[in-house]
Protein backbone atom coordinates (compact mmCIF):
# COMPACT_ATOMS: atom_id res chain seq x y z
CA MET A 1 91.22 104.61 92.43
CA LEU A 2 94.66 105.97 94.11
CA GLU A 3 97.61 107.23 92.39
CA ARG A 4 100.77 106.03 92.91
CA PRO A 5 100.93 108.36 95.63
CA ALA A 6 104.22 110.74 94.95
CA GLU A 7 106.88 110.49 97.39
CA ILE A 8 108.18 112.97 99.79
CA PRO A 9 112.15 113.59 99.10
CA LEU A 10 114.06 110.86 101.60
CA PRO A 11 118.01 111.20 101.48
CA SER A 12 118.99 109.05 99.21
CA SER A 13 116.26 109.19 96.97
CA GLU A 14 118.16 109.88 93.74
CA PRO A 15 121.33 108.32 92.41
CA SER A 16 124.23 109.65 92.85
CA GLU A 17 125.40 112.51 90.42
CA PRO A 18 128.36 114.65 89.79
CA VAL A 19 127.78 117.25 91.90
CA THR A 20 129.00 121.42 90.71
CA ALA A 21 128.31 124.32 92.43
CA GLN A 22 125.24 125.37 89.95
CA LYS A 23 123.45 122.29 90.75
CA PRO A 24 120.47 123.15 93.53
CA ALA A 25 120.64 121.79 97.27
CA LYS A 26 118.78 118.52 97.74
CA LYS A 27 115.53 119.24 99.06
CA SER A 28 114.19 119.20 102.61
CA ILE A 29 111.89 116.40 104.04
CA LEU A 30 108.81 117.22 104.60
CA PRO A 31 107.13 114.71 106.61
CA ALA A 32 103.55 116.35 107.47
CA LEU A 33 102.83 115.79 104.37
CA SER A 34 104.00 112.13 104.31
CA GLY A 35 101.62 112.17 107.27
CA LEU A 36 98.43 113.84 105.84
CA ARG A 37 99.14 110.37 102.80
CA ALA A 38 98.51 107.85 105.32
CA PHE A 39 94.94 109.92 106.41
CA ALA A 40 94.31 109.69 102.68
CA ALA A 41 95.55 106.30 102.19
CA LEU A 42 93.06 105.38 105.04
CA ASN A 43 90.44 107.15 104.41
CA ILE A 44 90.00 105.37 100.98
CA VAL A 45 90.41 101.95 102.80
CA PHE A 46 87.38 102.87 104.81
CA TYR A 47 85.78 104.67 101.93
CA HIS A 48 85.84 101.11 100.27
CA PHE A 49 85.13 98.74 103.68
CA SER A 50 83.33 100.14 106.55
CA ASN A 51 80.54 102.07 106.75
CA PRO A 52 80.79 105.76 107.21
CA LYS A 53 78.63 105.88 110.33
CA TRP A 54 81.21 104.38 112.50
CA PHE A 55 83.15 107.10 112.46
CA GLY A 56 80.82 110.29 113.48
CA PRO A 57 81.22 113.33 113.31
CA PHE A 58 84.54 111.99 110.88
CA ALA A 59 81.56 110.37 108.23
CA PRO A 60 81.08 113.12 105.83
CA ILE A 61 85.17 112.45 104.79
CA VAL A 62 84.63 109.07 104.64
CA ASP A 63 81.41 108.65 103.01
CA ASN A 64 83.32 111.66 100.36
CA GLY A 65 86.74 109.04 100.28
CA TYR A 66 87.04 109.03 96.76
CA THR A 67 87.83 112.80 96.33
CA SER A 68 91.48 111.16 98.23
CA VAL A 69 92.57 109.88 95.20
CA SER A 70 91.98 113.79 93.52
CA PHE A 71 94.48 114.74 96.44
CA PHE A 72 97.07 112.15 95.44
CA LEU A 73 96.97 113.46 92.19
CA LEU A 74 97.43 116.48 93.27
CA MET A 75 99.76 115.91 95.67
CA SER A 76 102.09 114.04 92.94
CA GLY A 77 102.65 116.95 90.86
CA PHE A 78 103.67 119.15 94.17
CA ILE A 79 105.76 116.21 95.26
CA LEU A 80 107.87 115.65 91.64
CA ALA A 81 107.93 119.75 90.93
CA TYR A 82 109.07 120.37 94.70
CA ASN A 83 111.93 117.66 94.12
CA TYR A 84 113.14 118.28 90.67
CA SER A 85 111.98 121.50 88.97
CA GLU A 86 114.61 123.66 90.14
CA ARG A 87 116.99 120.69 88.72
CA ALA A 88 114.88 121.10 85.96
CA GLN A 89 115.04 124.98 85.37
CA SER A 90 118.88 124.31 85.92
CA GLY A 91 119.47 121.94 83.06
CA HIS A 92 120.39 118.89 85.27
CA LEU A 93 117.40 117.26 84.97
CA ASN A 94 118.52 113.71 83.35
CA VAL A 95 115.44 112.55 81.85
CA ARG A 96 116.35 109.15 81.31
CA HIS A 97 117.41 108.31 84.60
CA PHE A 98 113.94 110.31 86.01
CA TRP A 99 111.84 108.19 84.19
CA GLY A 100 114.34 105.17 85.71
CA ALA A 101 113.52 106.33 89.34
CA ARG A 102 109.93 106.89 88.76
CA PHE A 103 109.76 103.09 87.00
CA SER A 104 111.46 101.86 90.02
CA ARG A 105 109.68 103.57 92.65
CA LEU A 106 106.25 102.56 91.34
CA TYR A 107 106.65 98.96 89.11
CA PRO A 108 107.71 96.54 91.43
CA VAL A 109 104.61 97.16 94.36
CA TYR A 110 102.04 97.04 91.05
CA ILE A 111 103.39 94.07 89.71
CA PHE A 112 103.43 92.34 93.08
CA GLY A 113 99.69 94.07 93.01
CA LEU A 114 99.02 92.47 90.29
CA LEU A 115 100.45 89.25 91.54
CA VAL A 116 98.41 89.43 94.68
CA SER A 117 95.10 89.98 92.69
CA LEU A 118 95.48 86.78 90.66
CA GLY A 119 92.35 85.40 91.93
CA MET A 120 90.66 88.08 90.70
CA LEU A 121 91.41 87.09 87.21
CA MET A 122 88.62 84.46 87.02
CA ALA A 123 85.81 86.57 88.34
CA GLU A 124 87.31 88.86 85.32
CA TRP A 125 86.75 85.75 82.98
CA GLN A 126 82.80 85.40 83.67
CA VAL A 127 82.05 89.11 83.07
CA ARG A 128 84.21 90.00 80.18
CA THR A 129 84.24 88.91 76.62
CA HIS A 130 87.08 87.20 75.39
CA GLY A 131 88.08 89.82 73.68
CA GLU A 132 88.16 92.13 76.82
CA PHE A 133 89.72 89.77 78.93
CA ALA A 134 92.56 89.24 76.65
CA LEU A 135 93.04 92.97 76.56
CA GLY A 136 92.41 93.33 80.10
CA VAL A 137 95.55 90.89 80.57
CA ILE A 138 98.00 92.60 77.73
CA LEU A 139 96.98 96.49 79.08
CA THR A 140 97.19 96.07 82.97
CA PRO A 141 100.60 95.13 83.58
CA LEU A 142 102.23 97.91 80.73
CA LEU A 143 99.34 100.57 82.34
CA LEU A 144 97.73 101.44 79.92
CA GLN A 145 94.31 100.40 80.95
CA GLY A 146 92.85 103.91 81.85
CA TRP A 147 93.19 104.52 78.28
CA ILE A 148 89.96 102.01 77.80
CA PRO A 149 87.51 103.10 79.88
CA LYS A 150 85.44 100.23 80.21
CA LEU A 151 88.51 98.22 81.39
CA ALA A 152 90.32 100.68 83.44
CA THR A 153 89.25 98.88 86.73
CA PHE A 154 90.13 95.45 85.21
CA TRP A 155 91.97 93.19 87.79
CA ASN A 156 93.51 95.60 90.29
CA THR A 157 90.95 98.46 90.88
CA PRO A 158 93.00 100.99 92.27
CA ALA A 159 95.76 100.16 89.34
CA TRP A 160 93.63 102.68 87.27
CA THR A 161 95.20 105.78 89.06
CA MET A 162 98.48 104.19 88.00
CA CYS A 163 97.94 104.27 84.51
CA THR A 164 97.30 108.01 85.04
CA GLU A 165 100.40 108.38 86.90
CA ALA A 166 102.58 107.17 84.78
CA PHE A 167 101.35 109.07 82.03
CA PHE A 168 101.94 111.90 84.18
CA TYR A 169 105.74 110.81 84.85
CA LEU A 170 105.86 110.99 80.81
CA ILE A 171 105.10 114.11 80.03
CA PHE A 172 106.88 115.78 83.49
CA PRO A 173 110.04 116.37 82.09
CA ALA A 174 108.20 118.38 79.48
CA VAL A 175 105.70 120.28 81.15
CA VAL A 176 108.17 121.11 83.69
CA CYS A 177 109.98 123.67 82.32
CA TRP A 178 107.23 125.33 80.17
CA LYS A 179 107.94 129.47 81.40
CA ARG A 180 105.76 129.86 84.61
CA PRO A 181 105.39 133.26 85.79
CA GLN A 182 107.22 134.86 88.82
CA ARG A 183 104.83 136.96 90.09
CA TRP A 184 102.46 136.20 92.65
CA ARG A 185 99.50 137.68 90.62
CA GLY A 186 100.63 135.50 87.68
CA LEU A 187 101.45 132.72 90.16
CA ILE A 188 97.44 133.16 91.31
CA GLY A 189 95.95 133.33 88.13
CA LEU A 190 97.90 130.24 86.48
CA LEU A 191 95.97 128.14 89.44
CA ALA A 192 92.69 130.20 89.26
CA LEU A 193 92.50 129.08 85.10
CA LEU A 194 94.10 125.64 86.04
CA TRP A 195 91.38 124.92 88.67
CA VAL A 196 88.89 125.80 85.74
CA ALA A 197 90.40 123.77 83.35
CA GLY A 198 89.94 120.89 85.84
CA MET A 199 86.99 121.54 86.29
CA ALA A 200 85.49 121.81 82.61
CA LEU A 201 85.15 118.46 81.76
CA PRO A 202 83.27 117.11 84.85
CA THR A 203 80.62 120.90 83.94
CA LEU A 204 80.09 119.75 80.87
CA TYR A 205 79.55 116.03 81.61
CA THR A 206 77.32 117.69 84.51
CA VAL A 207 74.69 120.03 81.83
CA LEU A 208 75.11 117.68 79.08
CA GLN A 209 73.61 114.95 81.44
CA PRO A 210 74.04 111.64 78.99
CA ASP A 211 73.65 109.86 81.96
CA GLY A 212 71.21 111.67 83.31
CA PRO A 213 70.15 114.05 85.76
CA HIS A 214 71.62 112.58 88.41
CA PRO A 215 74.55 110.19 88.27
CA ASP A 216 76.55 109.18 91.38
CA ARG A 217 79.27 107.42 92.37
CA TYR A 218 77.58 104.34 91.66
CA THR A 219 77.36 105.31 87.69
CA ASP A 220 78.81 102.84 85.60
CA SER A 221 78.11 104.13 81.80
CA PHE A 222 80.46 104.55 79.53
CA TRP A 223 80.97 108.73 79.88
CA MET A 224 81.44 108.33 83.61
CA ARG A 225 84.03 106.34 83.40
CA ALA A 226 86.06 108.55 81.19
CA LEU A 227 85.61 111.38 83.47
CA LYS A 228 86.55 109.06 86.49
CA PHE A 229 89.40 106.54 85.29
CA SER A 230 91.42 108.43 82.09
CA PRO A 231 94.32 110.17 82.05
CA PRO A 232 93.16 113.36 80.48
CA PRO A 233 90.96 114.60 82.89
CA HIS A 234 93.00 114.65 85.31
CA VAL A 235 96.03 116.76 83.92
CA PRO A 236 94.88 120.10 85.42
CA SER A 237 94.81 118.86 89.49
CA PHE A 238 98.66 117.44 88.16
CA LEU A 239 99.22 120.78 86.73
CA PHE A 240 97.89 122.48 89.41
CA GLY A 241 100.60 120.99 91.55
CA ILE A 242 103.72 121.92 90.04
CA VAL A 243 102.21 125.20 90.49
CA LEU A 244 101.53 125.64 93.59
CA ALA A 245 105.40 123.95 94.45
CA ASP A 246 106.09 127.55 92.76
CA VAL A 247 103.58 129.22 95.09
CA ASP A 248 104.74 126.91 97.74
CA ALA A 249 109.00 128.14 97.53
CA ARG A 250 107.96 131.79 97.90
CA ILE A 251 106.30 131.37 101.39
CA SER A 252 109.12 130.62 104.16
CA ARG A 253 108.41 127.49 106.56
CA GLY A 254 107.97 129.21 109.43
CA SER A 255 105.59 131.73 107.89
CA ARG A 256 102.55 131.71 110.30
CA TRP A 257 100.46 132.53 106.80
CA ARG A 258 100.81 128.72 106.35
CA LEU A 259 99.80 128.34 109.68
CA LEU A 260 96.31 130.19 108.47
CA LEU A 261 96.53 128.08 105.33
CA GLY A 262 96.08 125.06 106.82
CA ILE A 263 93.26 125.39 109.15
CA LEU A 264 91.61 126.82 106.23
CA GLY A 265 92.34 124.69 103.55
CA VAL A 266 91.45 121.46 106.21
CA GLY A 267 88.05 123.12 107.21
CA ALA A 268 86.70 124.47 104.19
CA ILE A 269 87.35 120.71 102.82
CA TYR A 270 85.77 118.88 105.84
CA THR A 271 82.95 121.38 105.03
CA VAL A 272 82.57 120.40 101.51
CA LEU A 273 82.92 116.89 102.36
CA TYR A 274 79.89 118.02 104.72
CA TYR A 275 77.80 118.54 102.20
CA GLY A 276 78.78 116.38 99.64
CA ASP A 277 75.53 114.48 98.91
CA HIS A 278 74.66 117.60 97.45
CA MET A 279 76.97 118.85 95.18
CA PRO A 280 77.65 117.48 91.22
CA PHE A 281 79.67 114.58 91.72
CA ALA A 282 81.26 114.89 88.89
CA LEU A 283 82.27 117.69 90.04
CA MET A 284 83.51 116.66 93.94
CA HIS A 285 85.42 113.69 92.20
CA ASP A 286 87.57 115.74 89.48
CA GLY A 287 87.85 119.52 90.34
CA LEU A 288 85.79 121.13 92.57
CA LEU A 289 88.24 120.29 96.03
CA MET A 290 91.67 121.48 93.88
CA PRO A 291 92.38 124.85 96.06
CA LEU A 292 91.97 123.29 99.10
CA PHE A 293 93.94 120.69 98.18
CA GLY A 294 96.19 123.68 97.69
CA LEU A 295 95.34 125.63 100.97
CA ALA A 296 95.95 122.35 102.97
CA ILE A 297 98.97 121.38 101.26
CA LEU A 298 100.71 124.67 101.87
CA GLY A 299 99.66 124.70 106.04
CA LEU A 300 100.99 121.53 106.56
CA ALA A 301 104.50 122.14 104.40
CA GLY A 302 105.59 124.49 107.03
CA HIS A 303 106.88 124.52 110.84
CA ASN A 304 103.46 125.31 112.74
CA LEU A 305 101.05 122.61 114.81
CA ILE A 306 99.13 121.32 112.90
CA ALA A 307 102.47 120.12 110.28
CA ARG A 308 103.35 118.86 113.70
CA PHE A 309 100.16 116.37 114.49
CA PHE A 310 100.70 115.83 111.27
CA GLY A 311 104.24 114.71 111.29
CA PHE A 312 103.76 112.36 114.05
CA TRP A 313 106.33 109.51 113.09
CA PRO A 314 103.63 106.46 113.24
CA PHE A 315 101.46 109.18 110.62
CA VAL A 316 104.83 109.41 108.52
CA ALA A 317 105.58 105.61 108.92
CA VAL A 318 102.13 104.89 107.44
CA GLY A 319 102.34 107.59 105.01
CA GLN A 320 105.40 106.59 103.60
CA ALA A 321 103.83 103.09 103.01
CA SER A 322 100.36 105.13 101.54
CA TYR A 323 101.05 103.25 97.91
CA CYS A 324 101.90 99.89 99.21
CA LEU A 325 98.70 100.50 101.18
CA TYR A 326 96.54 101.73 98.34
CA ILE A 327 97.42 99.24 95.63
CA LEU A 328 97.25 96.59 97.69
CA HIS A 329 94.21 96.96 99.68
CA PHE A 330 90.93 96.40 97.27
CA ASN A 331 92.05 92.82 97.10
CA LEU A 332 93.96 92.12 99.69
CA TRP A 333 91.04 92.67 101.76
CA ASP A 334 88.73 90.58 99.53
CA LEU A 335 91.24 87.58 99.56
CA ILE A 336 91.44 87.63 103.65
CA HIS A 337 88.03 87.26 103.83
CA LYS A 338 87.21 84.68 100.82
CA SER A 339 90.53 83.00 102.76
CA HIS A 340 88.56 82.64 106.43
CA LEU A 341 91.11 83.12 107.89
CA LEU A 342 89.65 85.15 110.91
CA GLU A 343 86.79 82.49 111.44
CA ALA A 344 89.62 80.06 111.52
CA THR A 345 91.79 82.08 113.82
CA HIS A 346 88.55 83.34 116.24
CA LEU A 347 88.80 86.64 115.10
CA ILE A 348 86.03 87.98 113.48
CA ALA A 349 84.77 89.89 116.63
CA LEU A 350 87.37 92.15 116.06
CA ASP A 351 86.69 93.03 111.90
CA PRO A 352 86.73 94.71 110.74
CA TRP A 353 89.38 96.91 112.79
CA ILE A 354 92.03 93.41 112.48
CA SER A 355 91.38 93.40 108.51
CA TYR A 356 92.22 96.97 108.99
CA GLY A 357 95.66 96.07 110.85
CA MET A 358 96.41 93.57 108.94
CA LEU A 359 96.44 96.07 105.69
CA VAL A 360 98.18 98.47 107.17
CA ALA A 361 100.77 96.13 108.25
CA ALA A 362 101.06 94.04 104.67
CA ALA A 363 101.42 97.40 103.31
CA LEU A 364 104.49 98.32 105.28
CA LEU A 365 105.91 94.68 104.92
CA THR A 366 105.59 95.26 101.30
CA MET A 367 107.11 98.58 101.68
CA LYS A 368 110.60 97.08 103.89
CA PHE A 369 110.69 93.41 101.46
CA ILE A 370 109.29 94.84 98.25
CA GLU A 371 109.78 98.19 97.33
CA LYS A 372 112.82 99.01 98.74
CA PRO A 373 115.23 96.44 97.98
CA VAL A 374 113.94 95.78 94.62
CA GLN A 375 114.00 99.88 93.74
CA LYS A 376 117.91 100.09 95.53
CA TRP A 377 118.71 97.10 92.92
CA ILE A 378 117.14 98.52 89.58
CA ARG A 379 118.63 102.40 90.98
CA GLY A 380 121.71 100.20 91.35
CA ARG A 381 122.05 99.27 88.30
CA MET A 382 121.14 102.49 86.93
CA LEU A 383 124.06 103.94 88.80
CA SER A 384 126.31 101.29 87.15
CA GLY A 385 124.99 101.54 83.50
CA ARG A 386 126.18 105.36 84.19
CA MET A 387 129.35 104.89 85.49
CA GLN A 388 129.68 102.03 82.86
CA GLY A 389 128.75 105.32 80.01
């Protein structure tokens, strides 16, 4: 389920480029958004592997944890625009190097996640036709499985989101250059239009009822899978994030409005999730929360109390590893429990909390020893190729 979560800008996030007087300055770090990503990623883990009642007043958030995926997809558009919009508008975005940088960030961990999940291929072999299995084995490493709804969750269930992210990366250099409104009224109007567009397909699904009157998270029909897992329905959310970055640029970091927006956004998200079982599932999954996610992001991108809370360094550390946590958690959980490691080490009494800790530790180690080194190597090769060229 979860996107490749977009990275918060770091000082060394891009290969060095010749500096000109017109080139936009590198953006400041927004640690609270990394912290928010940590909570979103953990919420998906809890959604898949917990009893929501364990979390008391936070049970509605965990029970509707699938909505965190929509948050990540919107956040992806916001962070990419935050990093690259000015560069693109001034003509300094090198498309080939942008795609290379995105590849270096997404693909090494993605492939590592598939290797960790090799045992799942046996299960896929048993439940798929030979043709479906062969197509899944071909499409999944190519980040194309989401375009075939029946195969979207093949091999590593959360990996469908990376197919959507890869499509977003493909179209980003073109859409970020689209002319957008410069006035507040135009920006708010465009955000409203994208929100409506994001709810169009879920609303159509809800009205036409191709799977009956009460589809839910367990509905596994072609139309529900196409709505949930294929890239096109999520494009409005990604574009919403891009336009949201324009709004963010017009509000000072220290503005008191940011604290109000953040509290309003987080509070409204909780309220909607509290009544989530009474909301149409298709709308909850794909578009309904878009404006509320936007308010929360604007609030946490400022300098205020709520941003300081989410910017606490352990949250930021886990948030920086949120992609690793997301892409590994589903099948690694299965691997941990099928190995009977916890029984052998007499730690089973501490489960599931010990398993959660193991997943977070695995994510941090994967980021440190796989994601960052391979990313650095790929970007070094890119920079070397540019110098030789």
